[in-house]
Amino acid sequence: MKKTKKIEFRVTLTEYLIIQKKAKETGCSTSEFLRNTALGYNVTYKLTEEEIEVYKELNKFADNFRRIGNLFKLGDTTAVKETAVSTALLIREHLNKLI
């Protein structure tokens, strides 16, 4: 449906900056953010590319730990050790990027 009506209201500079920041964090325009908020719609946070990459890496770690658990259940201690060491090295590599 075409939006034809306009609503204006005044805010302080601080309120304006907060609204702008929150709208940007959700990936919405200011109008879309305020409309969704006023109508009670769920306004979700939009992940940045960097955050998406972090989640992908965490998913790899989770897969490795699942593999370790499965190998441990099977009693394959050699594979458990190898997988645990490779996972630890992968984690260390990523932690070193933060330093």
N, C-alpha and C. Protein backbone atom coordinates (compact mmCIF):
# COMPACT_ATOMS: atom_id res chain seq x y z
N MET A 1 0.84 -1.17 0.00
CA MET A 1 0.00 0.00 0.00
C MET A 1 0.89 1.24 0.00
N LYS A 2 0.53 2.21 -0.78
CA LYS A 2 1.32 3.43 -0.90
C LYS A 2 1.18 4.28 0.36
N LYS A 3 2.30 4.77 0.82
CA LYS A 3 2.31 5.62 2.02
C LYS A 3 2.12 7.06 1.57
N THR A 4 0.99 7.66 1.99
CA THR A 4 0.68 9.02 1.54
C THR A 4 0.61 10.02 2.69
N LYS A 5 0.53 9.53 3.92
CA LYS A 5 0.40 10.41 5.07
C LYS A 5 1.75 10.61 5.73
N LYS A 6 1.95 11.79 6.30
CA LYS A 6 3.22 12.14 6.92
C LYS A 6 2.97 12.55 8.37
N ILE A 7 3.79 12.05 9.28
CA ILE A 7 3.71 12.42 10.69
C ILE A 7 5.03 13.08 11.06
N GLU A 8 4.95 14.23 11.68
CA GLU A 8 6.15 14.92 12.14
C GLU A 8 6.08 15.11 13.64
N PHE A 9 7.23 14.99 14.31
CA PHE A 9 7.29 15.29 15.74
C PHE A 9 8.69 15.75 16.07
N ARG A 10 8.80 16.45 17.17
CA ARG A 10 10.08 17.02 17.57
C ARG A 10 10.77 16.12 18.60
N VAL A 11 12.09 16.08 18.50
CA VAL A 11 12.91 15.33 19.44
C VAL A 11 14.13 16.17 19.80
N THR A 12 14.77 15.83 20.90
CA THR A 12 16.01 16.52 21.26
C THR A 12 17.13 15.98 20.38
N LEU A 13 18.26 16.65 20.40
CA LEU A 13 19.41 16.19 19.63
C LEU A 13 19.83 14.79 20.08
N THR A 14 19.82 14.57 21.38
CA THR A 14 20.20 13.26 21.92
C THR A 14 19.24 12.18 21.44
N GLU A 15 17.94 12.46 21.52
CA GLU A 15 16.94 11.49 21.05
C GLU A 15 17.12 11.21 19.56
N TYR A 16 17.37 12.26 18.80
CA TYR A 16 17.58 12.12 17.37
C TYR A 16 18.76 11.19 17.07
N LEU A 17 19.87 11.42 17.76
CA LEU A 17 21.06 10.60 17.54
C LEU A 17 20.83 9.14 17.94
N ILE A 18 20.11 8.94 19.04
CA ILE A 18 19.80 7.57 19.48
C ILE A 18 18.92 6.87 18.45
N ILE A 19 17.90 7.54 17.97
CA ILE A 19 17.00 6.97 16.96
C ILE A 19 17.78 6.64 15.68
N GLN A 20 18.63 7.54 15.24
CA GLN A 20 19.43 7.31 14.05
C GLN A 20 20.33 6.09 14.22
N LYS A 21 20.97 5.98 15.38
CA LYS A 21 21.87 4.87 15.66
C LYS A 21 21.12 3.54 15.66
N LYS A 22 19.96 3.52 16.35
CA LYS A 22 19.17 2.28 16.41
C LYS A 22 18.65 1.87 15.04
N ALA A 23 18.24 2.84 14.25
CA ALA A 23 17.76 2.54 12.90
C ALA A 23 18.89 1.95 12.06
N LYS A 24 20.06 2.54 12.17
CA LYS A 24 21.21 2.05 11.42
C LYS A 24 21.58 0.63 11.85
N GLU A 25 21.52 0.34 13.16
CA GLU A 25 21.86 -0.98 13.68
C GLU A 25 20.90 -2.05 13.14
N THR A 26 19.66 -1.68 12.90
CA THR A 26 18.69 -2.65 12.41
C THR A 26 18.69 -2.74 10.89
N GLY A 27 19.40 -1.84 10.23
CA GLY A 27 19.44 -1.86 8.78
C GLY A 27 18.22 -1.22 8.14
N CYS A 28 17.47 -0.46 8.93
CA CYS A 28 16.25 0.19 8.43
C CYS A 28 16.51 1.69 8.23
N SER A 29 15.64 2.30 7.43
CA SER A 29 15.64 3.75 7.38
C SER A 29 15.03 4.24 8.69
N THR A 30 15.23 5.51 8.99
CA THR A 30 14.66 6.07 10.21
C THR A 30 13.14 5.95 10.20
N SER A 31 12.53 6.25 9.06
CA SER A 31 11.07 6.15 8.95
C SER A 31 10.59 4.74 9.19
N GLU A 32 11.25 3.79 8.56
CA GLU A 32 10.86 2.38 8.70
C GLU A 32 11.03 1.92 10.15
N PHE A 33 12.14 2.33 10.78
CA PHE A 33 12.40 1.95 12.17
C PHE A 33 11.31 2.51 13.09
N LEU A 34 10.99 3.81 12.95
CA LEU A 34 9.98 4.42 13.82
C LEU A 34 8.59 3.85 13.56
N ARG A 35 8.27 3.59 12.30
CA ARG A 35 6.97 3.01 11.96
C ARG A 35 6.84 1.62 12.58
N ASN A 36 7.86 0.78 12.41
CA ASN A 36 7.82 -0.57 12.97
C ASN A 36 7.74 -0.55 14.49
N THR A 37 8.49 0.34 15.11
CA THR A 37 8.47 0.46 16.56
C THR A 37 7.09 0.92 17.05
N ALA A 38 6.55 1.94 16.40
CA ALA A 38 5.25 2.48 16.81
C ALA A 38 4.13 1.47 16.63
N LEU A 39 4.23 0.63 15.61
CA LEU A 39 3.19 -0.35 15.34
C LEU A 39 3.39 -1.65 16.12
N GLY A 40 4.45 -1.70 16.90
CA GLY A 40 4.69 -2.86 17.75
C GLY A 40 5.28 -4.06 17.03
N TYR A 41 5.83 -3.82 15.83
CA TYR A 41 6.46 -4.90 15.10
C TYR A 41 7.82 -5.21 15.73
N ASN A 42 8.25 -6.44 15.57
CA ASN A 42 9.54 -6.85 16.10
C ASN A 42 10.66 -6.26 15.23
N VAL A 43 11.44 -5.37 15.80
CA VAL A 43 12.56 -4.75 15.09
C VAL A 43 13.81 -5.50 15.49
N THR A 44 14.39 -6.20 14.54
CA THR A 44 15.56 -7.02 14.85
C THR A 44 16.84 -6.34 14.41
N TYR A 45 17.90 -6.74 15.07
CA TYR A 45 19.22 -6.23 14.80
C TYR A 45 19.78 -6.91 13.56
N LYS A 46 20.34 -6.14 12.66
CA LYS A 46 20.93 -6.69 11.45
C LYS A 46 22.42 -6.92 11.70
N LEU A 47 22.88 -8.14 11.46
CA LEU A 47 24.28 -8.47 11.69
C LEU A 47 25.16 -7.81 10.64
N THR A 48 26.34 -7.36 11.09
CA THR A 48 27.32 -6.83 10.15
C THR A 48 28.02 -7.99 9.46
N GLU A 49 28.74 -7.69 8.38
CA GLU A 49 29.50 -8.73 7.68
C GLU A 49 30.51 -9.38 8.62
N GLU A 50 31.13 -8.57 9.47
CA GLU A 50 32.11 -9.09 10.42
C GLU A 50 31.46 -10.05 11.41
N GLU A 51 30.29 -9.69 11.91
CA GLU A 51 29.58 -10.57 12.84
C GLU A 51 29.16 -11.88 12.18
N ILE A 52 28.77 -11.82 10.92
CA ILE A 52 28.40 -13.02 10.18
C ILE A 52 29.61 -13.94 10.06
N GLU A 53 30.77 -13.37 9.77
CA GLU A 53 32.00 -14.16 9.68
C GLU A 53 32.34 -14.81 11.01
N VAL A 54 32.16 -14.07 12.11
CA VAL A 54 32.42 -14.63 13.44
C VAL A 54 31.50 -15.82 13.70
N TYR A 55 30.23 -15.70 13.37
CA TYR A 55 29.29 -16.80 13.57
C TYR A 55 29.66 -18.01 12.72
N LYS A 56 30.15 -17.77 11.52
CA LYS A 56 30.59 -18.89 10.67
C LYS A 56 31.76 -19.62 11.31
N GLU A 57 32.70 -18.86 11.86
CA GLU A 57 33.85 -19.47 12.53
C GLU A 57 33.42 -20.23 13.78
N LEU A 58 32.51 -19.65 14.55
CA LEU A 58 32.01 -20.34 15.74
C LEU A 58 31.31 -21.64 15.36
N ASN A 59 30.62 -21.63 14.24
CA ASN A 59 29.96 -22.84 13.76
C ASN A 59 30.98 -23.93 13.43
N LYS A 60 32.12 -23.52 12.86
CA LYS A 60 33.19 -24.50 12.59
C LYS A 60 33.70 -25.10 13.89
N PHE A 61 33.88 -24.25 14.91
CA PHE A 61 34.33 -24.75 16.21
C PHE A 61 33.32 -25.74 16.78
N ALA A 62 32.04 -25.39 16.69
CA ALA A 62 30.99 -26.27 17.21
C ALA A 62 31.03 -27.62 16.50
N ASP A 63 31.22 -27.59 15.17
CA ASP A 63 31.32 -28.85 14.42
C ASP A 63 32.51 -29.68 14.91
N ASN A 64 33.63 -29.03 15.12
CA ASN A 64 34.82 -29.75 15.59
C ASN A 64 34.58 -30.37 16.97
N PHE A 65 33.95 -29.64 17.87
CA PHE A 65 33.68 -30.18 19.20
C PHE A 65 32.67 -31.34 19.15
N ARG A 66 31.70 -31.26 18.23
CA ARG A 66 30.77 -32.38 18.05
C ARG A 66 31.52 -33.61 17.56
N ARG A 67 32.43 -33.39 16.60
CA ARG A 67 33.25 -34.48 16.09
C ARG A 67 34.07 -35.12 17.20
N ILE A 68 34.66 -34.28 18.04
CA ILE A 68 35.46 -34.78 19.17
C ILE A 68 34.60 -35.63 20.08
N GLY A 69 33.41 -35.14 20.39
CA GLY A 69 32.50 -35.89 21.24
C GLY A 69 32.13 -37.24 20.64
N ASN A 70 31.83 -37.25 19.34
CA ASN A 70 31.48 -38.50 18.68
C ASN A 70 32.65 -39.48 18.66
N LEU A 71 33.84 -38.97 18.39
CA LEU A 71 35.03 -39.83 18.39
C LEU A 71 35.29 -40.40 19.78
N PHE A 72 35.08 -39.56 20.79
CA PHE A 72 35.28 -40.00 22.17
C PHE A 72 34.31 -41.14 22.51
N LYS A 73 33.06 -41.01 22.07
CA LYS A 73 32.06 -42.06 22.31
C LYS A 73 32.46 -43.37 21.64
N LEU A 74 33.08 -43.25 20.46
CA LEU A 74 33.50 -44.44 19.73
C LEU A 74 34.79 -45.05 20.29
N GLY A 75 35.45 -44.31 21.19
CA GLY A 75 36.68 -44.81 21.79
C GLY A 75 37.91 -44.61 20.93
N ASP A 76 37.81 -43.77 19.92
CA ASP A 76 38.94 -43.50 19.02
C ASP A 76 39.80 -42.38 19.60
N THR A 77 40.65 -42.73 20.54
CA THR A 77 41.43 -41.71 21.27
C THR A 77 42.44 -41.00 20.37
N THR A 78 42.97 -41.67 19.38
CA THR A 78 43.93 -41.03 18.47
C THR A 78 43.25 -39.92 17.69
N ALA A 79 42.09 -40.20 17.12
CA ALA A 79 41.35 -39.19 16.37
C ALA A 79 40.86 -38.06 17.28
N VAL A 80 40.49 -38.41 18.51
CA VAL A 80 40.06 -37.39 19.47
C VAL A 80 41.20 -36.41 19.69
N LYS A 81 42.38 -36.93 19.93
CA LYS A 81 43.55 -36.09 20.18
C LYS A 81 43.85 -35.22 18.98
N GLU A 82 43.88 -35.80 17.78
CA GLU A 82 44.19 -35.05 16.56
C GLU A 82 43.17 -33.93 16.31
N THR A 83 41.91 -34.26 16.46
CA THR A 83 40.86 -33.26 16.23
C THR A 83 40.90 -32.17 17.29
N ALA A 84 41.15 -32.56 18.54
CA ALA A 84 41.24 -31.57 19.62
C ALA A 84 42.41 -30.62 19.39
N VAL A 85 43.54 -31.15 18.98
CA VAL A 85 44.71 -30.32 18.72
C VAL A 85 44.45 -29.37 17.56
N SER A 86 43.86 -29.87 16.48
CA SER A 86 43.59 -28.99 15.32
C SER A 86 42.57 -27.91 15.68
N THR A 87 41.60 -28.26 16.51
CA THR A 87 40.61 -27.27 16.95
C THR A 87 41.27 -26.21 17.82
N ALA A 88 42.14 -26.65 18.73
CA ALA A 88 42.86 -25.71 19.60
C ALA A 88 43.72 -24.76 18.78
N LEU A 89 44.37 -25.28 17.74
CA LEU A 89 45.19 -24.43 16.88
C LEU A 89 44.33 -23.42 16.12
N LEU A 90 43.18 -23.85 15.67
CA LEU A 90 42.27 -22.96 14.97
C LEU A 90 41.80 -21.84 15.89
N ILE A 91 41.47 -22.18 17.12
CA ILE A 91 41.04 -21.17 18.10
C ILE A 91 42.19 -20.21 18.39
N ARG A 92 43.39 -20.75 18.58
CA ARG A 92 44.55 -19.90 18.86
C ARG A 92 44.81 -18.93 17.71
N GLU A 93 44.67 -19.43 16.48
CA GLU A 93 44.87 -18.59 15.30
C GLU A 93 43.92 -17.39 15.32
N HIS A 94 42.67 -17.64 15.66
CA HIS A 94 41.68 -16.56 15.68
C HIS A 94 41.90 -15.61 16.86
N LEU A 95 42.30 -16.15 17.99
CA LEU A 95 42.58 -15.30 19.15
C LEU A 95 43.77 -14.40 18.88
N ASN A 96 44.76 -14.89 18.16
CA ASN A 96 45.94 -14.07 17.84
C ASN A 96 45.58 -12.88 16.96
N LYS A 97 44.51 -12.99 16.19
CA LYS A 97 44.05 -11.87 15.36
C LYS A 97 43.56 -10.72 16.23
N LEU A 98 43.11 -11.03 17.44
CA LEU A 98 42.59 -10.00 18.34
C LEU A 98 43.69 -9.22 19.06
N ILE A 99 44.86 -9.80 19.09
CA ILE A 99 45.97 -9.16 19.83
C ILE A 99 46.67 -8.15 18.97
